[in-house]
Amino acid sequence: MSNIIGDSLIRRLRKERGLTIAELADEICSEEHLARIERGKRAPSRWVFKQIMEKLGENPNKYYTDIVTLEDKRIVSLKDKLKSLLLDRTENSNEKAEALIGRLAKEEAFAEKEGKQFLAMSRATLAYNRENYKDLYDFALEAILVTKTNFNVDKIDTYFLSNDEIWACNQLAVALFFTESVERSTETLYKLKTVIERGCVDSDEIVHTFIALLCNLSKNLGMLGRYDEAIDIATISIDWCERHRESKYHPLIMFNKACGLLYNNELEEGKELLCKVYCLFKGYDRKDELSFARKYVEENFKINISNIIF
């Protein structure tokens, strides 16, 4: 690696932001290690560089492109395989994911902070897939504690959080929804929203997490009867989905907004939005979600979606 990254970039950005070496190194690496990186005497690992750049409000992928070893590629391949298994969510894939997590836990590369955090996040996702929300909370918290040893969920809005830590905090909020209360989950999501908005929402990774958070928040607010807030959050969320072509949460957030409108007796706009939701679920072949939407509006609003399509 050239000294451009180690010396010029990190030191320049740190000074521009008025941070000391101790402040930037906190929870990432030792002050001595960072000082050596800044002097160009030591190349940062991919994880250390990623954490430093995120703390400085920069996209690490914009700079860190010149160190990719064969070992890096092998580890990335294993991570991608695990992520793919976890996305599938079938029990067969969950079992394969669990076995792969056990295998990776024995690898030297996963004994470092980055590896430990990735494995804890993977275990959290596995717990979510299996609807084990207590384990979801425990593993998401474990992931955060790898890099934030003094973390307190009630003080989320007082921390600088990396993308991975933000993802884990969102999972904590999901777990709180099922294990404690909608109110506690909602409070946590609002605090996390503040953290994200005062940071840098530019990478695909953080945008996806932010949209997921807004989707959860709009649903929670609707359940609490705070319909105006739910509609406002959903409106913001829909804009984010459309700007970033996010299809996973788009119809779900539109459904949250439609329900908020209907509860607020804004019937025409609510029904119009329901038609769009119906078409999106049909177009994406998301039968389970369409079935839930049908049943919910029929039971709560006495509306048959099929009758308002045309």
Protein backbone atom coordinates (compact mmCIF):
# COMPACT_ATOMS: atom_id res chain seq x y z
CA MET A 1 0.00 0.00 0.00
CA SER A 2 1.27 3.45 -0.80
CA ASN A 3 1.68 6.06 1.91
CA ILE A 4 -1.15 8.04 0.25
CA ILE A 5 -3.69 6.02 2.21
CA GLY A 6 -1.71 5.67 5.43
CA ASP A 7 -0.07 9.07 5.72
CA SER A 8 -1.85 11.69 3.64
CA LEU A 9 -5.46 10.52 3.76
CA ILE A 10 -6.14 9.33 7.31
CA ARG A 11 -4.07 12.01 9.02
CA ARG A 12 -5.55 14.76 6.81
CA LEU A 13 -9.14 13.64 7.39
CA ARG A 14 -8.58 13.22 11.13
CA LYS A 15 -7.19 16.74 11.45
CA GLU A 16 -9.95 18.22 9.29
CA ARG A 17 -12.50 16.75 11.70
CA GLY A 18 -10.64 17.97 14.76
CA LEU A 19 -10.01 14.49 16.19
CA THR A 20 -7.00 13.39 18.17
CA ILE A 21 -5.30 10.07 17.50
CA ALA A 22 -6.79 8.77 20.76
CA GLU A 23 -10.31 9.78 19.75
CA LEU A 24 -10.07 8.21 16.30
CA ALA A 25 -8.42 5.02 17.57
CA ASP A 26 -10.98 4.52 20.37
CA GLU A 27 -12.73 1.13 20.06
CA ILE A 28 -10.85 0.42 16.80
CA CYS A 29 -7.15 -0.08 17.51
CA SER A 30 -4.37 1.15 19.79
CA GLU A 31 -3.13 4.74 19.51
CA GLU A 32 0.34 3.43 18.67
CA HIS A 33 -1.07 1.27 15.87
CA LEU A 34 -2.96 4.23 14.36
CA ALA A 35 0.09 6.49 14.65
CA ARG A 36 2.15 3.93 12.71
CA ILE A 37 -0.57 3.74 10.04
CA GLU A 38 -0.62 7.54 9.72
CA ARG A 39 3.16 7.63 9.31
CA GLY A 40 2.95 5.01 6.57
CA LYS A 41 4.89 2.51 8.68
CA ARG A 42 2.02 0.02 8.92
CA ALA A 43 -0.75 -0.95 6.49
CA PRO A 44 -4.18 -1.13 8.15
CA SER A 45 -6.18 -4.33 7.84
CA ARG A 46 -9.33 -4.06 5.75
CA TRP A 47 -11.45 -4.05 8.91
CA VAL A 48 -9.41 -1.35 10.68
CA PHE A 49 -9.44 0.81 7.56
CA LYS A 50 -13.22 0.35 7.19
CA GLN A 51 -13.86 1.35 10.82
CA ILE A 52 -11.56 4.39 10.57
CA MET A 53 -13.15 5.63 7.35
CA GLU A 54 -16.68 5.21 8.67
CA LYS A 55 -15.76 7.08 11.84
CA LEU A 56 -14.38 9.87 9.65
CA GLY A 57 -17.63 9.92 7.66
CA GLU A 58 -16.10 8.48 4.51
CA ASN A 59 -17.01 5.51 2.30
CA PRO A 60 -14.13 3.02 2.75
CA ASN A 61 -14.80 1.38 -0.61
CA LYS A 62 -13.90 4.65 -2.30
CA TYR A 63 -10.26 4.29 -1.25
CA TYR A 64 -9.37 0.79 -0.16
CA THR A 65 -8.90 -1.05 -3.46
CA ASP A 66 -5.21 -1.86 -3.72
CA ILE A 67 -4.82 -4.64 -1.12
CA VAL A 68 -6.71 -7.80 -2.03
CA THR A 69 -4.82 -10.98 -1.23
CA LEU A 70 -5.77 -14.55 -2.10
CA GLU A 71 -6.67 -15.04 1.57
CA ASP A 72 -8.93 -11.99 1.40
CA LYS A 73 -10.69 -13.50 -1.60
CA ARG A 74 -11.13 -16.85 0.12
CA ILE A 75 -12.61 -15.25 3.24
CA VAL A 76 -14.91 -13.04 1.15
CA SER A 77 -16.09 -16.11 -0.76
CA LEU A 78 -16.93 -17.94 2.49
CA LYS A 79 -18.76 -14.89 3.84
CA ASP A 80 -20.76 -14.54 0.64
CA LYS A 81 -21.73 -18.22 0.80
CA LEU A 82 -22.93 -17.81 4.39
CA LYS A 83 -24.88 -14.65 3.55
CA SER A 84 -26.57 -16.46 0.66
CA LEU A 85 -27.61 -19.35 2.92
CA LEU A 86 -29.02 -16.96 5.52
CA LEU A 87 -31.00 -15.06 2.88
CA ASP A 88 -32.71 -18.26 1.74
CA ARG A 89 -34.30 -18.73 5.20
CA THR A 90 -35.43 -22.34 4.61
CA GLU A 91 -34.63 -24.77 7.42
CA ASN A 92 -32.30 -26.72 5.15
CA SER A 93 -30.33 -23.53 4.39
CA ASN A 94 -30.42 -22.56 8.07
CA GLU A 95 -28.83 -25.89 9.01
CA LYS A 96 -26.12 -25.44 6.38
CA ALA A 97 -25.54 -21.87 7.61
CA GLU A 98 -25.21 -23.09 11.20
CA ALA A 99 -22.64 -25.68 10.13
CA LEU A 100 -20.67 -23.09 8.15
CA ILE A 101 -20.70 -20.68 11.11
CA GLY A 102 -19.21 -23.46 13.26
CA ARG A 103 -16.53 -24.07 10.65
CA LEU A 104 -15.64 -20.38 10.30
CA ALA A 105 -15.41 -19.96 14.08
CA LYS A 106 -12.38 -22.29 14.00
CA GLU A 107 -10.58 -20.22 11.34
CA GLU A 108 -7.79 -17.90 12.43
CA ALA A 109 -9.19 -15.02 10.38
CA PHE A 110 -12.39 -15.06 12.44
CA ALA A 111 -10.56 -14.76 15.76
CA GLU A 112 -10.02 -11.03 15.13
CA LYS A 113 -12.63 -8.38 15.94
CA GLU A 114 -13.98 -8.20 12.40
CA GLY A 115 -14.46 -11.97 12.22
CA LYS A 116 -16.04 -12.19 15.66
CA GLN A 117 -18.49 -9.43 14.80
CA PHE A 118 -19.40 -11.03 11.48
CA LEU A 119 -20.07 -14.39 13.16
CA ALA A 120 -22.21 -12.79 15.88
CA MET A 121 -24.21 -10.94 13.20
CA SER A 122 -24.64 -14.19 11.26
CA ARG A 123 -25.88 -15.98 14.39
CA ALA A 124 -28.31 -13.09 14.96
CA THR A 125 -29.68 -13.49 11.43
CA LEU A 126 -30.00 -17.23 11.94
CA ALA A 127 -31.94 -16.63 15.16
CA TYR A 128 -34.24 -14.21 13.30
CA ASN A 129 -34.85 -16.78 10.57
CA ARG A 130 -35.89 -19.28 13.22
CA GLU A 131 -38.01 -16.67 15.06
CA ASN A 132 -35.90 -17.07 18.19
CA TYR A 133 -36.03 -13.44 19.27
CA LYS A 134 -34.24 -13.83 22.59
CA ASP A 135 -31.20 -15.23 20.76
CA LEU A 136 -31.60 -12.50 18.14
CA TYR A 137 -31.21 -9.89 20.88
CA ASP A 138 -28.30 -11.68 22.55
CA PHE A 139 -26.30 -12.20 19.34
CA ALA A 140 -26.99 -8.68 18.02
CA LEU A 141 -25.79 -7.27 21.35
CA GLU A 142 -22.73 -9.56 21.21
CA ALA A 143 -21.91 -8.16 17.76
CA ILE A 144 -22.00 -4.58 19.05
CA LEU A 145 -19.98 -5.36 22.18
CA VAL A 146 -17.12 -6.61 20.01
CA THR A 147 -16.39 -3.02 19.05
CA LYS A 148 -18.37 -1.01 21.65
CA THR A 149 -17.39 -2.59 24.94
CA ASN A 150 -19.33 0.00 26.99
CA PHE A 151 -22.50 -0.17 24.87
CA ASN A 152 -25.87 0.57 26.47
CA VAL A 153 -28.97 0.11 24.32
CA ASP A 154 -30.73 2.98 26.12
CA LYS A 155 -27.96 5.37 25.03
CA ILE A 156 -27.77 4.44 21.33
CA ASP A 157 -28.01 8.07 20.25
CA THR A 158 -24.85 8.98 22.21
CA TYR A 159 -22.52 6.75 20.16
CA PHE A 160 -20.77 6.96 16.84
CA LEU A 161 -21.84 3.70 15.20
CA SER A 162 -20.34 1.89 12.22
CA ASN A 163 -22.56 0.40 9.52
CA ASP A 164 -22.34 -3.05 11.10
CA GLU A 165 -23.15 -1.66 14.54
CA ILE A 166 -26.16 0.18 13.09
CA TRP A 167 -27.38 -3.07 11.52
CA ALA A 168 -27.01 -4.86 14.86
CA CYS A 169 -28.87 -2.05 16.69
CA ASN A 170 -31.74 -2.37 14.24
CA GLN A 171 -31.86 -6.09 15.05
CA LEU A 172 -31.97 -5.23 18.75
CA ALA A 173 -35.03 -3.08 18.07
CA VAL A 174 -36.68 -5.93 16.16
CA ALA A 175 -35.98 -8.29 19.07
CA LEU A 176 -37.38 -5.77 21.58
CA PHE A 177 -40.61 -5.66 19.55
CA PHE A 178 -41.15 -9.37 20.20
CA THR A 179 -39.59 -9.81 23.64
CA GLU A 180 -40.44 -6.60 25.48
CA SER A 181 -42.78 -4.00 24.00
CA VAL A 182 -43.64 -2.04 20.86
CA GLU A 183 -42.94 1.15 22.80
CA ARG A 184 -39.37 0.14 23.69
CA SER A 185 -38.71 -0.99 20.13
CA THR A 186 -40.05 2.30 18.75
CA GLU A 187 -37.96 4.39 21.15
CA THR A 188 -34.85 2.46 20.10
CA LEU A 189 -35.61 2.91 16.39
CA TYR A 190 -36.10 6.67 16.78
CA LYS A 191 -32.72 6.97 18.53
CA LEU A 192 -31.04 4.90 15.83
CA LYS A 193 -32.67 7.03 13.13
CA THR A 194 -31.03 10.07 14.74
CA VAL A 195 -27.62 8.36 14.68
CA ILE A 196 -27.91 7.53 10.98
CA GLU A 197 -29.18 10.95 9.95
CA ARG A 198 -26.32 12.80 11.63
CA GLY A 199 -23.82 10.52 9.91
CA CYS A 200 -23.19 9.74 6.27
CA VAL A 201 -25.99 7.83 4.52
CA ASP A 202 -24.38 7.17 1.17
CA SER A 203 -23.27 3.56 0.84
CA ASP A 204 -25.67 0.87 -0.39
CA GLU A 205 -25.17 -1.00 2.88
CA ILE A 206 -26.29 1.81 5.18
CA VAL A 207 -29.13 2.86 2.84
CA HIS A 208 -30.56 -0.67 2.99
CA THR A 209 -30.35 -0.70 6.80
CA PHE A 210 -31.90 2.78 7.02
CA ILE A 211 -34.86 1.74 4.86
CA ALA A 212 -35.34 -1.41 6.96
CA LEU A 213 -35.33 0.76 10.09
CA LEU A 214 -37.92 3.16 8.64
CA CYS A 215 -40.11 0.23 7.62
CA ASN A 216 -40.04 -1.15 11.17
CA LEU A 217 -40.64 2.29 12.64
CA SER A 218 -43.67 3.05 10.45
CA LYS A 219 -45.17 -0.33 11.39
CA ASN A 220 -44.57 0.23 15.11
CA LEU A 221 -46.10 3.71 15.05
CA GLY A 222 -49.20 2.35 13.35
CA MET A 223 -49.55 -0.34 16.01
CA LEU A 224 -49.30 2.35 18.70
CA GLY A 225 -52.08 4.37 17.04
CA ARG A 226 -49.70 7.21 16.16
CA TYR A 227 -51.01 7.33 12.60
CA ASP A 228 -49.82 10.80 11.58
CA GLU A 229 -46.26 9.87 12.56
CA ALA A 230 -46.58 6.52 10.82
CA ILE A 231 -47.72 8.21 7.60
CA ASP A 232 -44.89 10.77 7.76
CA ILE A 233 -42.22 8.10 8.31
CA ALA A 234 -43.70 5.90 5.59
CA THR A 235 -43.72 8.81 3.14
CA ILE A 236 -40.03 9.44 3.79
CA SER A 237 -39.35 5.72 3.46
CA ILE A 238 -41.14 5.41 0.12
CA ASP A 239 -39.04 8.23 -1.27
CA TRP A 240 -35.87 6.44 -0.15
CA CYS A 241 -37.07 3.19 -1.73
CA GLU A 242 -37.86 4.84 -5.05
CA ARG A 243 -34.60 6.78 -5.20
CA HIS A 244 -32.54 3.68 -4.46
CA ARG A 245 -34.73 1.13 -6.26
CA GLU A 246 -35.27 -0.86 -3.07
CA SER A 247 -37.92 -3.48 -3.87
CA LYS A 248 -37.84 -5.60 -0.69
CA TYR A 249 -39.34 -2.99 1.64
CA HIS A 250 -41.12 -0.75 -0.87
CA PRO A 251 -44.53 -2.50 -0.90
CA LEU A 252 -44.36 -3.20 2.85
CA ILE A 253 -43.86 0.49 3.63
CA MET A 254 -46.61 1.46 1.19
CA PHE A 255 -48.90 -0.96 3.02
CA ASN A 256 -47.97 0.65 6.36
CA LYS A 257 -48.84 4.06 4.94
CA ALA A 258 -52.09 2.82 3.39
CA CYS A 259 -53.20 1.43 6.75
CA GLY A 260 -52.30 4.69 8.48
CA LEU A 261 -54.39 6.62 5.96
CA LEU A 262 -57.35 4.28 6.40
CA TYR A 263 -57.18 4.53 10.19
CA ASN A 264 -57.13 8.32 9.74
CA ASN A 265 -60.30 8.05 7.59
CA GLU A 266 -58.40 9.26 4.50
CA LEU A 267 -60.19 6.52 2.60
CA GLU A 268 -59.68 7.47 -1.04
CA GLU A 269 -55.93 7.95 -0.75
CA GLY A 270 -55.66 4.84 1.39
CA LYS A 271 -57.55 2.69 -1.12
CA GLU A 272 -55.52 4.08 -4.02
CA LEU A 273 -52.31 3.12 -2.25
CA LEU A 274 -53.69 -0.34 -1.47
CA CYS A 275 -54.16 -0.92 -5.20
CA LYS A 276 -50.47 -0.16 -5.78
CA VAL A 277 -49.51 -2.47 -2.92
CA TYR A 278 -51.62 -5.25 -4.41
CA CYS A 279 -50.00 -4.83 -7.83
CA LEU A 280 -46.48 -4.81 -6.37
CA PHE A 281 -47.04 -7.94 -4.30
CA LYS A 282 -48.53 -9.64 -7.35
CA GLY A 283 -45.71 -8.47 -9.60
CA TYR A 284 -43.03 -9.69 -7.18
CA ASP A 285 -44.95 -12.97 -6.64
CA ARG A 286 -44.95 -12.40 -2.88
CA LYS A 287 -47.98 -14.54 -2.14
CA ASP A 288 -47.63 -14.78 1.64
CA GLU A 289 -47.42 -11.01 2.07
CA LEU A 290 -50.31 -10.47 -0.32
CA SER A 291 -52.40 -12.97 1.64
CA PHE A 292 -51.59 -11.19 4.91
CA ALA A 293 -52.45 -7.78 3.40
CA ARG A 294 -55.79 -9.07 2.10
CA LYS A 295 -56.74 -10.58 5.44
CA TYR A 296 -55.65 -7.54 7.45
CA VAL A 297 -57.62 -4.95 5.46
CA GLU A 298 -60.68 -7.18 5.30
CA GLU A 299 -60.68 -7.74 9.07
CA ASN A 300 -59.82 -4.18 10.09
CA PHE A 301 -61.39 -2.02 7.38
CA LYS A 302 -63.96 -4.37 5.76
CA ILE A 303 -62.28 -3.80 2.41
CA ASN A 304 -61.81 -6.49 -0.24
CA ILE A 305 -58.68 -5.46 -2.13
CA SER A 306 -59.81 -7.27 -5.29
CA ASN A 307 -62.93 -5.11 -5.46
CA ILE A 308 -60.97 -1.84 -5.61
CA ILE A 309 -58.33 -2.74 -8.17
CA PHE A 310 -60.26 -1.38 -11.13
